């Protein structure tokens, strides 16, 4: 028996995908006394052979994409304006804006407004 993380490495999937398959009854496994799933490597290999990658639930859309979309539509905006529309705390919007700035996609102007500098999101690498 191996952990879900080890099983994921075995078949090139995430530990979360293995756990989800166990929870949904698509992969036999058992929980230990601490709530961690363990699976038989042979079962994992068989599951992976019949389950193409990417057939799990979709990941949530990154909030940075939403911020970029609004900046693209509006031309410029403050963190507070974006927060009101996204219905999240301005501090979280400032975090997303800082990520976009670090990626070279947005910049803060002297008046506190943010603008896009690029509409291309760099690939993680």
N, C-alpha and C. Protein backbone atom coordinates (compact mmCIF):
# COMPACT_ATOMS: atom_id res chain seq x y z
N UNK A 1 0.85 -1.18 0.00
CA UNK A 1 0.00 0.00 0.00
C UNK A 1 0.89 1.24 0.00
N UNK A 2 0.45 2.25 -0.75
CA UNK A 2 1.20 3.51 -0.83
C UNK A 2 0.25 4.67 -0.54
N UNK A 3 0.81 5.84 -0.21
CA UNK A 3 0.00 7.03 0.02
C UNK A 3 -0.51 7.55 -1.32
N UNK A 4 -1.46 8.47 -1.27
CA UNK A 4 -1.99 9.04 -2.51
C UNK A 4 -0.93 9.86 -3.24
N UNK A 5 -0.05 10.51 -2.50
CA UNK A 5 1.03 11.27 -3.13
C UNK A 5 1.97 10.34 -3.87
N UNK A 6 2.35 9.25 -3.22
CA UNK A 6 3.22 8.26 -3.87
C UNK A 6 2.52 7.64 -5.08
N UNK A 7 1.24 7.35 -4.93
CA UNK A 7 0.48 6.77 -6.04
C UNK A 7 0.41 7.75 -7.21
N UNK A 8 0.23 9.04 -6.91
CA UNK A 8 0.20 10.05 -7.95
C UNK A 8 1.50 10.10 -8.73
N UNK A 9 2.61 10.04 -8.02
CA UNK A 9 3.92 10.04 -8.69
C UNK A 9 4.07 8.82 -9.59
N UNK A 10 3.53 7.70 -9.14
CA UNK A 10 3.62 6.45 -9.89
C UNK A 10 2.98 6.56 -11.27
N UNK A 11 1.87 7.30 -11.35
CA UNK A 11 1.13 7.38 -12.62
C UNK A 11 1.10 8.78 -13.23
N UNK A 12 1.88 9.70 -12.67
CA UNK A 12 1.95 11.05 -13.23
C UNK A 12 0.69 11.87 -13.00
N UNK A 13 0.05 11.67 -11.87
CA UNK A 13 -1.16 12.43 -11.50
C UNK A 13 -0.90 13.09 -10.15
N UNK A 14 -1.79 13.96 -9.75
CA UNK A 14 -1.65 14.60 -8.45
C UNK A 14 -2.20 13.68 -7.36
N UNK A 15 -1.70 13.89 -6.15
CA UNK A 15 -2.25 13.17 -5.01
C UNK A 15 -3.72 13.49 -4.82
N UNK A 16 -4.11 14.74 -5.15
CA UNK A 16 -5.52 15.14 -5.05
C UNK A 16 -6.40 14.32 -6.00
N UNK A 17 -5.89 14.04 -7.20
CA UNK A 17 -6.66 13.24 -8.15
C UNK A 17 -6.86 11.82 -7.62
N UNK A 18 -5.83 11.28 -7.00
CA UNK A 18 -5.92 9.93 -6.44
C UNK A 18 -6.92 9.92 -5.29
N UNK A 19 -6.82 10.92 -4.39
CA UNK A 19 -7.76 11.02 -3.26
C UNK A 19 -9.19 11.14 -3.76
N UNK A 20 -9.41 11.99 -4.76
CA UNK A 20 -10.76 12.18 -5.30
C UNK A 20 -11.30 10.87 -5.86
N UNK A 21 -10.45 10.11 -6.55
CA UNK A 21 -10.90 8.83 -7.10
C UNK A 21 -11.28 7.87 -5.97
N UNK A 22 -10.54 7.91 -4.87
CA UNK A 22 -10.88 7.05 -3.72
C UNK A 22 -12.20 7.48 -3.10
N UNK A 23 -12.35 8.78 -2.88
CA UNK A 23 -13.57 9.30 -2.25
C UNK A 23 -14.79 8.99 -3.12
N UNK A 24 -14.64 9.10 -4.44
CA UNK A 24 -15.76 8.87 -5.36
C UNK A 24 -15.98 7.39 -5.67
N UNK A 25 -15.19 6.51 -5.05
CA UNK A 25 -15.37 5.08 -5.26
C UNK A 25 -14.84 4.55 -6.58
N UNK A 26 -14.06 5.35 -7.29
CA UNK A 26 -13.52 4.92 -8.58
C UNK A 26 -12.19 4.18 -8.43
N UNK A 27 -11.58 4.31 -7.25
CA UNK A 27 -10.31 3.66 -6.96
C UNK A 27 -10.39 3.07 -5.56
N UNK A 28 -10.18 1.75 -5.43
CA UNK A 28 -10.25 1.18 -4.08
C UNK A 28 -9.09 1.68 -3.22
N UNK A 29 -9.41 2.02 -2.02
CA UNK A 29 -8.39 2.49 -1.08
C UNK A 29 -8.94 2.40 0.33
N UNK A 30 -8.06 2.69 1.28
CA UNK A 30 -8.56 2.69 2.65
C UNK A 30 -7.88 3.79 3.42
N UNK A 31 -8.63 4.35 4.35
CA UNK A 31 -8.11 5.42 5.20
C UNK A 31 -7.46 4.82 6.44
N UNK A 32 -6.35 5.43 6.86
CA UNK A 32 -5.74 4.99 8.11
C UNK A 32 -6.37 5.76 9.27
N UNK A 33 -5.86 5.54 10.46
CA UNK A 33 -6.45 6.15 11.67
C UNK A 33 -6.32 7.67 11.68
N UNK A 34 -5.44 8.22 10.84
CA UNK A 34 -5.26 9.67 10.77
C UNK A 34 -6.01 10.28 9.59
N UNK A 35 -6.78 9.47 8.88
CA UNK A 35 -7.59 9.97 7.77
C UNK A 35 -6.87 10.04 6.44
N UNK A 36 -5.67 9.44 6.34
CA UNK A 36 -4.92 9.45 5.09
C UNK A 36 -5.27 8.21 4.27
N UNK A 37 -5.47 8.42 2.97
CA UNK A 37 -5.80 7.33 2.07
C UNK A 37 -4.54 6.55 1.69
N UNK A 38 -4.70 5.23 1.56
CA UNK A 38 -3.65 4.35 1.07
C UNK A 38 -4.26 3.45 0.01
N UNK A 39 -3.50 3.22 -1.06
CA UNK A 39 -4.00 2.44 -2.18
C UNK A 39 -2.96 1.41 -2.61
N UNK A 40 -3.43 0.39 -3.26
CA UNK A 40 -2.55 -0.65 -3.80
C UNK A 40 -2.00 -0.13 -5.14
N UNK A 41 -0.67 -0.16 -5.34
CA UNK A 41 -0.10 0.33 -6.60
C UNK A 41 -0.71 -0.34 -7.84
N UNK A 42 -1.03 -1.62 -7.76
CA UNK A 42 -1.64 -2.31 -8.92
C UNK A 42 -3.01 -1.70 -9.25
N UNK A 43 -3.78 -1.36 -8.20
CA UNK A 43 -5.08 -0.73 -8.43
C UNK A 43 -4.92 0.64 -9.06
N UNK A 44 -3.88 1.37 -8.63
CA UNK A 44 -3.63 2.71 -9.18
C UNK A 44 -3.27 2.61 -10.66
N UNK A 45 -2.42 1.66 -11.01
CA UNK A 45 -2.03 1.49 -12.41
C UNK A 45 -3.24 1.13 -13.27
N UNK A 46 -4.10 0.26 -12.77
CA UNK A 46 -5.30 -0.12 -13.52
C UNK A 46 -6.24 1.07 -13.66
N UNK A 47 -6.43 1.84 -12.60
CA UNK A 47 -7.28 3.03 -12.64
C UNK A 47 -6.75 4.04 -13.65
N UNK A 48 -5.43 4.29 -13.62
CA UNK A 48 -4.82 5.27 -14.53
C UNK A 48 -4.97 4.83 -15.99
N UNK A 49 -4.90 3.54 -16.23
CA UNK A 49 -5.02 3.03 -17.61
C UNK A 49 -6.41 3.26 -18.18
N UNK A 50 -7.43 3.25 -17.32
CA UNK A 50 -8.80 3.42 -17.82
C UNK A 50 -9.35 4.83 -17.61
N UNK A 51 -8.57 5.70 -16.98
CA UNK A 51 -9.03 7.06 -16.68
C UNK A 51 -8.05 8.07 -17.25
N UNK A 52 -8.34 8.68 -18.38
CA UNK A 52 -7.43 9.67 -18.95
C UNK A 52 -7.28 10.87 -18.01
N UNK A 53 -6.10 11.49 -18.00
CA UNK A 53 -5.91 12.68 -17.17
C UNK A 53 -6.88 13.78 -17.56
N UNK A 54 -7.23 14.60 -16.61
CA UNK A 54 -8.09 15.75 -16.88
C UNK A 54 -9.56 15.48 -16.84
N UNK A 55 -9.98 14.31 -16.37
CA UNK A 55 -11.41 14.01 -16.32
C UNK A 55 -12.00 14.24 -14.95
N UNK A 56 -11.28 14.92 -14.09
CA UNK A 56 -11.80 15.25 -12.77
C UNK A 56 -12.54 16.58 -12.83
N UNK A 57 -12.94 17.09 -11.68
CA UNK A 57 -13.62 18.38 -11.66
C UNK A 57 -12.69 19.49 -12.13
N UNK A 58 -13.27 20.47 -12.80
CA UNK A 58 -12.47 21.59 -13.28
C UNK A 58 -11.94 22.41 -12.10
N UNK A 59 -10.73 22.94 -12.30
CA UNK A 59 -10.16 23.82 -11.28
C UNK A 59 -10.85 25.18 -11.34
N UNK A 60 -10.94 25.87 -10.21
CA UNK A 60 -11.55 27.19 -10.26
C UNK A 60 -10.69 28.13 -11.11
N UNK A 61 -11.35 29.07 -11.74
CA UNK A 61 -10.64 30.04 -12.57
C UNK A 61 -9.81 30.94 -11.67
N UNK A 62 -8.54 31.16 -11.99
CA UNK A 62 -7.72 32.03 -11.14
C UNK A 62 -8.28 33.44 -11.08
N UNK A 63 -8.27 34.02 -9.89
CA UNK A 63 -8.80 35.38 -9.72
C UNK A 63 -7.97 36.39 -10.51
N UNK A 64 -6.70 36.08 -10.74
CA UNK A 64 -5.89 37.01 -11.53
C UNK A 64 -6.46 37.16 -12.93
N UNK A 65 -7.05 36.10 -13.47
CA UNK A 65 -7.68 36.19 -14.79
C UNK A 65 -8.84 37.17 -14.75
N UNK A 66 -9.63 37.12 -13.68
CA UNK A 66 -10.76 38.04 -13.55
C UNK A 66 -10.28 39.48 -13.44
N UNK A 67 -9.22 39.70 -12.67
CA UNK A 67 -8.67 41.04 -12.52
C UNK A 67 -8.17 41.55 -13.87
N UNK A 68 -7.46 40.70 -14.60
CA UNK A 68 -6.98 41.10 -15.93
C UNK A 68 -8.13 41.44 -16.87
N UNK A 69 -9.17 40.64 -16.81
CA UNK A 69 -10.33 40.87 -17.68
C UNK A 69 -10.96 42.23 -17.39
N UNK A 70 -11.11 42.56 -16.10
CA UNK A 70 -11.69 43.85 -15.74
C UNK A 70 -10.79 44.99 -16.16
N UNK A 71 -9.48 44.86 -15.95
CA UNK A 71 -8.56 45.92 -16.37
C UNK A 71 -8.57 46.07 -17.88
N UNK A 72 -8.70 44.97 -18.59
CA UNK A 72 -8.76 45.02 -20.05
C UNK A 72 -10.02 45.78 -20.50
N UNK A 73 -11.16 45.49 -19.83
CA UNK A 73 -12.42 46.14 -20.18
C UNK A 73 -12.43 47.61 -19.80
N UNK A 74 -11.92 47.92 -18.61
CA UNK A 74 -12.02 49.27 -18.06
C UNK A 74 -10.85 50.18 -18.45
N UNK A 75 -9.71 49.63 -18.79
CA UNK A 75 -8.54 50.45 -19.07
C UNK A 75 -7.70 50.67 -17.82
N UNK A 76 -8.32 51.05 -16.71
CA UNK A 76 -7.61 51.21 -15.45
C UNK A 76 -8.61 51.09 -14.31
N UNK A 77 -8.11 50.78 -13.12
CA UNK A 77 -8.98 50.67 -11.95
C UNK A 77 -8.12 50.65 -10.69
N UNK A 78 -8.72 51.04 -9.58
CA UNK A 78 -8.04 50.93 -8.29
C UNK A 78 -8.36 49.57 -7.69
N UNK A 79 -7.58 49.18 -6.70
CA UNK A 79 -7.83 47.91 -6.02
C UNK A 79 -9.21 47.92 -5.37
N UNK A 80 -9.62 49.08 -4.84
CA UNK A 80 -10.92 49.18 -4.18
C UNK A 80 -12.07 49.01 -5.18
N UNK A 81 -11.93 49.60 -6.37
CA UNK A 81 -12.96 49.44 -7.39
C UNK A 81 -13.08 47.98 -7.83
N UNK A 82 -11.95 47.34 -8.03
CA UNK A 82 -11.96 45.93 -8.43
C UNK A 82 -12.57 45.07 -7.32
N UNK A 83 -12.25 45.38 -6.08
CA UNK A 83 -12.77 44.61 -4.95
C UNK A 83 -14.29 44.69 -4.88
N UNK A 84 -14.84 45.86 -5.13
CA UNK A 84 -16.30 46.01 -5.09
C UNK A 84 -16.98 45.13 -6.14
N UNK A 85 -16.43 45.10 -7.32
CA UNK A 85 -17.03 44.33 -8.40
C UNK A 85 -16.83 42.83 -8.17
N UNK A 86 -15.66 42.44 -7.68
CA UNK A 86 -15.37 41.02 -7.46
C UNK A 86 -15.93 40.52 -6.12
N UNK A 87 -16.44 41.43 -5.33
CA UNK A 87 -16.98 41.16 -3.98
C UNK A 87 -15.99 40.37 -3.12
N UNK A 88 -14.75 40.89 -3.11
CA UNK A 88 -13.71 40.35 -2.23
C UNK A 88 -13.01 41.50 -1.54
N UNK A 89 -12.23 41.21 -0.53
CA UNK A 89 -11.52 42.23 0.25
C UNK A 89 -10.47 42.92 -0.63
N UNK A 90 -10.32 44.25 -0.50
CA UNK A 90 -9.32 44.96 -1.31
C UNK A 90 -7.90 44.41 -1.12
N UNK A 91 -7.61 43.90 0.07
CA UNK A 91 -6.28 43.32 0.28
C UNK A 91 -6.03 42.12 -0.61
N UNK A 92 -7.07 41.34 -0.86
CA UNK A 92 -6.91 40.20 -1.78
C UNK A 92 -6.70 40.68 -3.20
N UNK A 93 -7.40 41.73 -3.58
CA UNK A 93 -7.21 42.28 -4.93
C UNK A 93 -5.78 42.81 -5.07
N UNK A 94 -5.28 43.49 -4.02
CA UNK A 94 -3.91 43.99 -4.08
C UNK A 94 -2.92 42.83 -4.24
N UNK A 95 -3.21 41.69 -3.62
CA UNK A 95 -2.36 40.50 -3.78
C UNK A 95 -2.37 40.06 -5.24
N UNK A 96 -3.55 39.97 -5.86
CA UNK A 96 -3.63 39.55 -7.26
C UNK A 96 -2.93 40.55 -8.17
N UNK A 97 -3.07 41.83 -7.86
CA UNK A 97 -2.40 42.85 -8.65
C UNK A 97 -0.88 42.75 -8.51
N UNK A 98 -0.40 42.44 -7.31
CA UNK A 98 1.03 42.27 -7.10
C UNK A 98 1.56 41.07 -7.89
N UNK A 99 0.78 40.01 -7.96
CA UNK A 99 1.16 38.85 -8.76
C UNK A 99 1.26 39.24 -10.23
N UNK A 100 0.26 39.96 -10.72
CA UNK A 100 0.28 40.40 -12.12
C UNK A 100 1.45 41.34 -12.39
N UNK A 101 1.76 42.20 -11.42
CA UNK A 101 2.90 43.11 -11.59
C UNK A 101 4.20 42.33 -11.65
N UNK A 102 4.35 41.33 -10.77
CA UNK A 102 5.56 40.51 -10.76
C UNK A 102 5.73 39.73 -12.06
N UNK A 103 4.61 39.39 -12.70
CA UNK A 103 4.64 38.67 -13.97
C UNK A 103 4.79 39.62 -15.16
N UNK A 104 4.83 40.93 -14.89
CA UNK A 104 4.97 41.90 -15.96
C UNK A 104 3.69 42.17 -16.72
N UNK A 105 2.55 41.86 -16.12
CA UNK A 105 1.26 42.02 -16.80
C UNK A 105 0.52 43.29 -16.40
N UNK A 106 0.87 43.88 -15.27
CA UNK A 106 0.15 45.07 -14.79
C UNK A 106 1.13 45.98 -14.05
N UNK A 107 0.75 47.24 -13.97
CA UNK A 107 1.56 48.17 -13.19
C UNK A 107 0.67 49.20 -12.51
N UNK A 108 1.15 49.70 -11.38
CA UNK A 108 0.41 50.71 -10.62
C UNK A 108 0.91 52.08 -11.04
N UNK A 109 -0.03 52.95 -11.35
CA UNK A 109 0.30 54.32 -11.72
C UNK A 109 0.43 55.18 -10.46
N UNK A 110 0.97 56.36 -10.61
CA UNK A 110 1.19 57.26 -9.47
C UNK A 110 -0.10 57.62 -8.75
N UNK A 111 -1.23 57.64 -9.46
CA UNK A 111 -2.51 58.00 -8.84
C UNK A 111 -3.21 56.82 -8.17
N UNK A 112 -2.56 55.64 -8.14
CA UNK A 112 -3.14 54.47 -7.49
C UNK A 112 -3.94 53.58 -8.41
N UNK A 113 -4.12 54.00 -9.64
CA UNK A 113 -4.82 53.18 -10.62
C UNK A 113 -3.88 52.11 -11.16
N UNK A 114 -4.45 50.98 -11.52
CA UNK A 114 -3.69 49.89 -12.11
C UNK A 114 -4.07 49.75 -13.58
N UNK A 115 -3.09 49.45 -14.41
CA UNK A 115 -3.31 49.24 -15.85
C UNK A 115 -2.58 47.98 -16.28
N UNK A 116 -3.08 47.38 -17.36
CA UNK A 116 -2.38 46.23 -17.92
C UNK A 116 -1.17 46.70 -18.72
N UNK A 117 -0.09 45.99 -18.60
CA UNK A 117 1.08 46.26 -19.43
C UNK A 117 1.23 45.17 -20.49
N UNK A 118 0.55 44.04 -20.26
CA UNK A 118 0.54 42.93 -21.19
C UNK A 118 -0.74 42.14 -20.95
N UNK A 119 -1.29 41.62 -22.01
CA UNK A 119 -2.50 40.79 -21.84
C UNK A 119 -2.15 39.31 -21.86
N UNK A 120 -0.87 39.00 -21.98
CA UNK A 120 -0.42 37.61 -22.00
C UNK A 120 0.02 37.21 -20.62
N UNK A 121 -0.57 36.14 -20.09
CA UNK A 121 -0.15 35.62 -18.78
C UNK A 121 1.00 34.66 -19.02
N UNK A 122 2.19 34.93 -18.40
CA UNK A 122 3.32 34.03 -18.62
C UNK A 122 3.03 32.63 -18.06
N UNK A 123 3.58 31.63 -18.71
CA UNK A 123 3.43 30.26 -18.22
C UNK A 123 4.38 30.04 -17.06
N UNK A 124 3.90 29.31 -16.05
CA UNK A 124 4.76 28.98 -14.91
C UNK A 124 5.90 28.10 -15.41
N UNK A 125 7.07 28.36 -14.92
CA UNK A 125 8.16 27.53 -15.42
C UNK A 125 9.34 27.51 -14.60
